[in-house]
């Protein structure tokens, strides 16, 4: 009985995992605008969350924050906009800290990465 519960719990946890494609194909949860460049915003997000940045052919960058099971929890697509950037934030589920808020302008920007 104990093994069945463990297997059921693992299945339930994994069924909630979202793939990169699934999350990026969703409409943005929020859109933010920043005076900082695409590279600066992407670096801030990546550095504060210890994750890599994906450079896209169109000049945009993608930063993914994943949960402990490898599912995408939060996705940030960062596009050039004038001298700054536009950040499309997609939330799949759960919360993962709040360090990203400093990078998109919800909290004061600090060059303390």
N, C-alpha and C. Protein backbone atom coordinates (compact mmCIF):
# COMPACT_ATOMS: atom_id res chain seq x y z
N UNK A 1 0.81 -1.19 0.00
CA UNK A 1 0.00 0.00 0.00
C UNK A 1 0.86 1.26 0.00
N UNK A 2 1.95 1.21 0.76
CA UNK A 2 2.85 2.36 0.86
C UNK A 2 3.47 2.67 -0.50
N UNK A 3 3.84 1.64 -1.25
CA UNK A 3 4.44 1.84 -2.57
C UNK A 3 3.44 2.47 -3.54
N UNK A 4 2.20 2.07 -3.44
CA UNK A 4 1.16 2.63 -4.31
C UNK A 4 1.00 4.12 -4.05
N UNK A 5 1.01 4.52 -2.78
CA UNK A 5 0.89 5.92 -2.44
C UNK A 5 2.07 6.73 -2.95
N UNK A 6 3.27 6.17 -2.84
CA UNK A 6 4.47 6.86 -3.32
C UNK A 6 4.40 7.04 -4.83
N UNK A 7 4.01 5.99 -5.55
CA UNK A 7 3.89 6.06 -7.00
C UNK A 7 2.81 7.06 -7.40
N UNK A 8 1.69 7.04 -6.71
CA UNK A 8 0.61 7.97 -7.01
C UNK A 8 1.04 9.42 -6.76
N UNK A 9 1.76 9.65 -5.68
CA UNK A 9 2.24 11.00 -5.38
C UNK A 9 3.24 11.47 -6.43
N UNK A 10 4.14 10.59 -6.85
CA UNK A 10 5.12 10.95 -7.88
C UNK A 10 4.42 11.26 -9.20
N UNK A 11 3.43 10.46 -9.56
CA UNK A 11 2.69 10.70 -10.80
C UNK A 11 1.97 12.04 -10.74
N UNK A 12 1.35 12.33 -9.61
CA UNK A 12 0.63 13.60 -9.46
C UNK A 12 1.58 14.78 -9.57
N UNK A 13 2.75 14.65 -8.98
CA UNK A 13 3.73 15.74 -9.04
C UNK A 13 4.23 15.94 -10.45
N UNK A 14 4.52 14.87 -11.15
CA UNK A 14 5.04 14.98 -12.51
C UNK A 14 3.98 15.41 -13.51
N UNK A 15 2.74 15.10 -13.27
CA UNK A 15 1.69 15.48 -14.21
C UNK A 15 1.48 17.00 -14.21
N UNK A 16 1.91 17.67 -13.14
CA UNK A 16 1.80 19.12 -13.07
C UNK A 16 2.94 19.83 -13.76
N UNK A 17 3.97 19.10 -14.18
CA UNK A 17 5.13 19.72 -14.83
C UNK A 17 4.74 20.23 -16.20
N UNK A 18 5.23 21.38 -16.51
CA UNK A 18 4.92 21.99 -17.79
C UNK A 18 6.18 22.04 -18.65
N UNK A 19 6.00 21.76 -19.92
CA UNK A 19 7.13 21.81 -20.85
C UNK A 19 7.40 23.25 -21.26
N UNK A 20 8.59 23.49 -21.75
CA UNK A 20 8.97 24.81 -22.21
C UNK A 20 8.04 25.29 -23.31
N UNK A 21 7.78 24.44 -24.29
CA UNK A 21 6.92 24.82 -25.41
C UNK A 21 5.51 25.17 -24.96
N UNK A 22 4.98 24.39 -24.02
CA UNK A 22 3.63 24.63 -23.52
C UNK A 22 3.53 26.00 -22.85
N UNK A 23 4.50 26.31 -22.01
CA UNK A 23 4.46 27.58 -21.28
C UNK A 23 4.68 28.75 -22.24
N UNK A 24 5.64 28.65 -23.14
CA UNK A 24 5.94 29.75 -24.05
C UNK A 24 4.83 29.99 -25.07
N UNK A 25 3.99 29.00 -25.32
CA UNK A 25 2.90 29.18 -26.28
C UNK A 25 1.67 29.84 -25.64
N UNK A 26 1.67 29.96 -24.32
CA UNK A 26 0.57 30.63 -23.62
C UNK A 26 0.63 32.13 -23.84
N UNK A 27 -0.52 32.78 -23.67
CA UNK A 27 -0.54 34.25 -23.65
C UNK A 27 0.21 34.71 -22.41
N UNK A 28 0.90 35.84 -22.47
CA UNK A 28 1.62 36.33 -21.28
C UNK A 28 0.67 36.60 -20.12
N UNK A 29 1.13 36.29 -18.93
CA UNK A 29 0.39 36.61 -17.71
C UNK A 29 0.45 38.12 -17.47
N UNK A 30 1.61 38.70 -17.68
CA UNK A 30 1.84 40.14 -17.54
C UNK A 30 2.89 40.56 -18.56
N UNK A 31 2.88 41.83 -18.92
CA UNK A 31 3.92 42.39 -19.78
C UNK A 31 4.50 43.60 -19.07
N UNK A 32 5.83 43.62 -18.96
CA UNK A 32 6.52 44.72 -18.30
C UNK A 32 7.40 45.44 -19.32
N UNK A 33 7.72 46.70 -19.04
CA UNK A 33 8.59 47.49 -19.89
C UNK A 33 9.73 48.01 -19.03
N UNK A 34 10.94 47.97 -19.57
CA UNK A 34 12.11 48.38 -18.81
C UNK A 34 12.97 49.32 -19.63
N UNK A 35 13.63 50.23 -18.94
CA UNK A 35 14.61 51.11 -19.59
C UNK A 35 15.93 50.38 -19.82
N UNK A 36 16.06 49.21 -19.22
CA UNK A 36 17.30 48.43 -19.34
C UNK A 36 17.27 47.56 -20.59
N UNK A 37 18.43 47.29 -21.13
CA UNK A 37 18.54 46.51 -22.37
C UNK A 37 18.09 45.06 -22.16
N UNK A 38 17.85 44.39 -23.27
CA UNK A 38 17.48 42.97 -23.24
C UNK A 38 18.54 42.18 -22.50
N UNK A 39 19.80 42.44 -22.83
CA UNK A 39 20.91 41.71 -22.20
C UNK A 39 20.96 41.96 -20.69
N UNK A 40 20.75 43.20 -20.27
CA UNK A 40 20.81 43.52 -18.84
C UNK A 40 19.68 42.83 -18.08
N UNK A 41 18.47 42.85 -18.62
CA UNK A 41 17.34 42.20 -17.96
C UNK A 41 17.55 40.69 -17.92
N UNK A 42 17.98 40.10 -19.02
CA UNK A 42 18.22 38.66 -19.07
C UNK A 42 19.32 38.26 -18.09
N UNK A 43 20.39 39.05 -18.05
CA UNK A 43 21.47 38.74 -17.11
C UNK A 43 20.97 38.82 -15.67
N UNK A 44 20.19 39.84 -15.36
CA UNK A 44 19.65 40.00 -14.01
C UNK A 44 18.82 38.77 -13.62
N UNK A 45 17.90 38.37 -14.50
CA UNK A 45 17.06 37.20 -14.22
C UNK A 45 17.89 35.93 -14.06
N UNK A 46 18.82 35.73 -14.97
CA UNK A 46 19.64 34.51 -14.94
C UNK A 46 20.54 34.49 -13.71
N UNK A 47 21.17 35.60 -13.42
CA UNK A 47 22.11 35.65 -12.31
C UNK A 47 21.42 35.50 -10.96
N UNK A 48 20.29 36.15 -10.78
CA UNK A 48 19.58 36.07 -9.51
C UNK A 48 18.96 34.69 -9.28
N UNK A 49 18.75 33.93 -10.35
CA UNK A 49 18.09 32.63 -10.21
C UNK A 49 18.99 31.45 -10.59
N UNK A 50 20.25 31.74 -10.94
CA UNK A 50 21.22 30.70 -11.27
C UNK A 50 20.73 29.79 -12.39
N UNK A 51 20.27 30.41 -13.49
CA UNK A 51 19.78 29.68 -14.65
C UNK A 51 20.41 30.25 -15.92
N UNK A 52 20.42 29.48 -17.01
CA UNK A 52 20.98 29.99 -18.27
C UNK A 52 19.98 30.88 -19.03
N UNK A 53 20.50 31.57 -20.02
CA UNK A 53 19.70 32.41 -20.91
C UNK A 53 19.74 31.79 -22.30
N UNK A 54 18.59 31.74 -22.95
CA UNK A 54 18.51 31.24 -24.32
C UNK A 54 18.44 32.45 -25.25
N UNK A 55 19.42 32.58 -26.14
CA UNK A 55 19.42 33.63 -27.15
C UNK A 55 18.62 33.15 -28.34
N UNK A 56 17.69 33.97 -28.81
CA UNK A 56 16.85 33.60 -29.95
C UNK A 56 17.30 34.38 -31.18
N UNK A 57 17.06 33.82 -32.38
CA UNK A 57 17.51 34.46 -33.62
C UNK A 57 16.97 35.87 -33.85
N UNK A 58 15.81 36.19 -33.27
CA UNK A 58 15.21 37.51 -33.49
C UNK A 58 15.76 38.59 -32.55
N UNK A 59 16.77 38.25 -31.75
CA UNK A 59 17.37 39.21 -30.82
C UNK A 59 16.76 39.17 -29.44
N UNK A 60 15.73 38.37 -29.27
CA UNK A 60 15.12 38.24 -27.94
C UNK A 60 15.87 37.20 -27.13
N UNK A 61 15.57 37.15 -25.85
CA UNK A 61 16.18 36.17 -24.96
C UNK A 61 15.07 35.55 -24.11
N UNK A 62 15.27 34.31 -23.70
CA UNK A 62 14.31 33.59 -22.87
C UNK A 62 15.02 33.11 -21.61
N UNK A 63 14.36 33.32 -20.47
CA UNK A 63 14.86 32.81 -19.19
C UNK A 63 13.73 31.99 -18.57
N UNK A 64 14.04 30.76 -18.20
CA UNK A 64 13.05 29.85 -17.61
C UNK A 64 13.41 29.54 -16.17
N UNK A 65 12.42 29.62 -15.30
CA UNK A 65 12.60 29.20 -13.91
C UNK A 65 11.81 27.92 -13.73
N UNK A 66 12.51 26.88 -13.30
CA UNK A 66 11.88 25.56 -13.19
C UNK A 66 11.73 25.13 -11.74
N UNK A 67 10.76 24.24 -11.53
CA UNK A 67 10.58 23.69 -10.19
C UNK A 67 11.53 22.51 -9.98
N UNK A 68 11.46 21.89 -8.84
CA UNK A 68 12.34 20.78 -8.51
C UNK A 68 12.16 19.54 -9.37
N UNK A 69 11.06 19.47 -10.11
CA UNK A 69 10.79 18.32 -10.96
C UNK A 69 11.17 18.60 -12.41
N UNK A 70 11.70 19.78 -12.69
CA UNK A 70 12.11 20.13 -14.05
C UNK A 70 11.02 20.78 -14.88
N UNK A 71 9.85 21.00 -14.31
CA UNK A 71 8.78 21.67 -15.03
C UNK A 71 8.95 23.18 -14.98
N UNK A 72 8.58 23.86 -16.04
CA UNK A 72 8.71 25.31 -16.10
C UNK A 72 7.62 25.95 -15.23
N UNK A 73 8.04 26.73 -14.25
CA UNK A 73 7.09 27.45 -13.40
C UNK A 73 6.85 28.86 -13.92
N UNK A 74 7.94 29.55 -14.26
CA UNK A 74 7.88 30.91 -14.77
C UNK A 74 8.74 31.02 -16.02
N UNK A 75 8.26 31.75 -17.01
CA UNK A 75 9.03 31.97 -18.23
C UNK A 75 9.04 33.46 -18.55
N UNK A 76 10.20 33.95 -18.94
CA UNK A 76 10.37 35.35 -19.30
C UNK A 76 10.91 35.42 -20.72
N UNK A 77 10.18 36.08 -21.60
CA UNK A 77 10.65 36.36 -22.95
C UNK A 77 10.96 37.85 -22.99
N UNK A 78 12.19 38.19 -23.34
CA UNK A 78 12.63 39.57 -23.28
C UNK A 78 12.94 40.05 -24.70
N UNK A 79 12.26 41.12 -25.13
CA UNK A 79 12.37 41.63 -26.49
C UNK A 79 12.92 43.05 -26.50
N UNK A 80 13.69 43.42 -27.52
CA UNK A 80 14.13 44.81 -27.65
C UNK A 80 12.92 45.72 -27.86
N UNK A 81 12.93 46.88 -27.21
CA UNK A 81 11.86 47.86 -27.37
C UNK A 81 12.50 49.24 -27.20
N UNK A 82 12.69 49.93 -28.31
CA UNK A 82 13.37 51.21 -28.25
C UNK A 82 14.77 51.00 -27.70
N UNK A 83 15.13 51.80 -26.70
CA UNK A 83 16.44 51.64 -26.06
C UNK A 83 16.37 50.69 -24.86
N UNK A 84 15.18 50.22 -24.55
CA UNK A 84 14.99 49.33 -23.41
C UNK A 84 14.51 47.95 -23.85
N UNK A 85 13.57 47.42 -23.10
CA UNK A 85 13.08 46.08 -23.41
C UNK A 85 11.64 45.90 -22.94
N UNK A 86 10.99 44.91 -23.55
CA UNK A 86 9.65 44.47 -23.16
C UNK A 86 9.80 43.05 -22.63
N UNK A 87 9.25 42.81 -21.47
CA UNK A 87 9.37 41.49 -20.84
C UNK A 87 8.00 40.86 -20.77
N UNK A 88 7.84 39.73 -21.43
CA UNK A 88 6.59 38.96 -21.35
C UNK A 88 6.80 37.89 -20.29
N UNK A 89 6.00 37.97 -19.25
CA UNK A 89 6.08 37.05 -18.12
C UNK A 89 4.94 36.06 -18.22
N UNK A 90 5.29 34.78 -18.16
CA UNK A 90 4.28 33.72 -18.19
C UNK A 90 4.42 32.88 -16.93
N UNK A 91 3.35 32.79 -16.19
CA UNK A 91 3.34 32.00 -14.95
C UNK A 91 2.54 30.74 -15.21
N UNK A 92 3.17 29.61 -15.02
CA UNK A 92 2.48 28.34 -15.19
C UNK A 92 1.84 27.90 -13.88
N UNK A 93 2.61 27.87 -12.81
CA UNK A 93 2.08 27.47 -11.51
C UNK A 93 3.08 27.80 -10.42
N UNK A 94 2.58 27.80 -9.22
CA UNK A 94 3.44 27.98 -8.06
C UNK A 94 4.16 29.31 -8.02
N UNK A 95 4.86 29.51 -6.96
CA UNK A 95 5.68 30.71 -6.82
C UNK A 95 7.12 30.30 -6.57
N UNK A 96 8.01 31.04 -7.14
CA UNK A 96 9.43 30.77 -6.94
C UNK A 96 10.06 32.09 -6.54
N UNK A 97 10.23 32.31 -5.27
CA UNK A 97 10.89 33.52 -4.81
C UNK A 97 10.38 34.78 -5.47
N UNK A 98 11.05 35.86 -5.22
CA UNK A 98 10.63 37.12 -5.80
C UNK A 98 11.79 37.90 -6.39
N UNK A 99 12.95 37.27 -6.52
CA UNK A 99 14.12 37.97 -7.05
C UNK A 99 13.87 38.51 -8.45
N UNK A 100 13.04 37.86 -9.22
CA UNK A 100 12.78 38.28 -10.60
C UNK A 100 12.10 39.64 -10.66
N UNK A 101 11.39 40.02 -9.61
CA UNK A 101 10.66 41.29 -9.60
C UNK A 101 11.60 42.48 -9.71
N UNK A 102 12.81 42.36 -9.19
CA UNK A 102 13.79 43.44 -9.28
C UNK A 102 14.27 43.61 -10.72
N UNK A 103 14.21 42.56 -11.49
CA UNK A 103 14.73 42.59 -12.86
C UNK A 103 13.73 43.15 -13.86
N UNK A 104 12.45 43.09 -13.55
CA UNK A 104 11.43 43.55 -14.51
C UNK A 104 10.82 44.88 -14.12
N UNK A 105 11.28 45.47 -13.02
CA UNK A 105 10.82 46.79 -12.63
C UNK A 105 9.74 46.85 -11.58
N UNK A 106 9.33 45.72 -11.02
CA UNK A 106 8.33 45.74 -9.96
C UNK A 106 8.92 46.19 -8.63
N UNK A 107 10.22 46.06 -8.50
CA UNK A 107 10.95 46.55 -7.34
C UNK A 107 12.12 47.36 -7.86
N UNK A 108 12.68 48.25 -7.06
CA UNK A 108 13.78 49.08 -7.55
C UNK A 108 14.96 48.27 -8.10
N UNK A 109 15.45 48.70 -9.25
CA UNK A 109 16.59 48.04 -9.90
C UNK A 109 17.86 48.34 -9.10
N UNK A 110 18.64 47.31 -8.88
CA UNK A 110 19.94 47.49 -8.21
C UNK A 110 20.97 46.71 -9.02
N UNK A 111 22.09 47.34 -9.27
CA UNK A 111 23.18 46.66 -9.98
C UNK A 111 24.01 45.85 -9.00
N UNK A 112 23.36 45.07 -8.19
CA UNK A 112 24.06 44.27 -7.18
C UNK A 112 24.03 42.79 -7.49
N UNK A 113 23.89 42.47 -8.77
CA UNK A 113 23.83 41.07 -9.07
C UNK A 113 25.19 40.47 -8.87
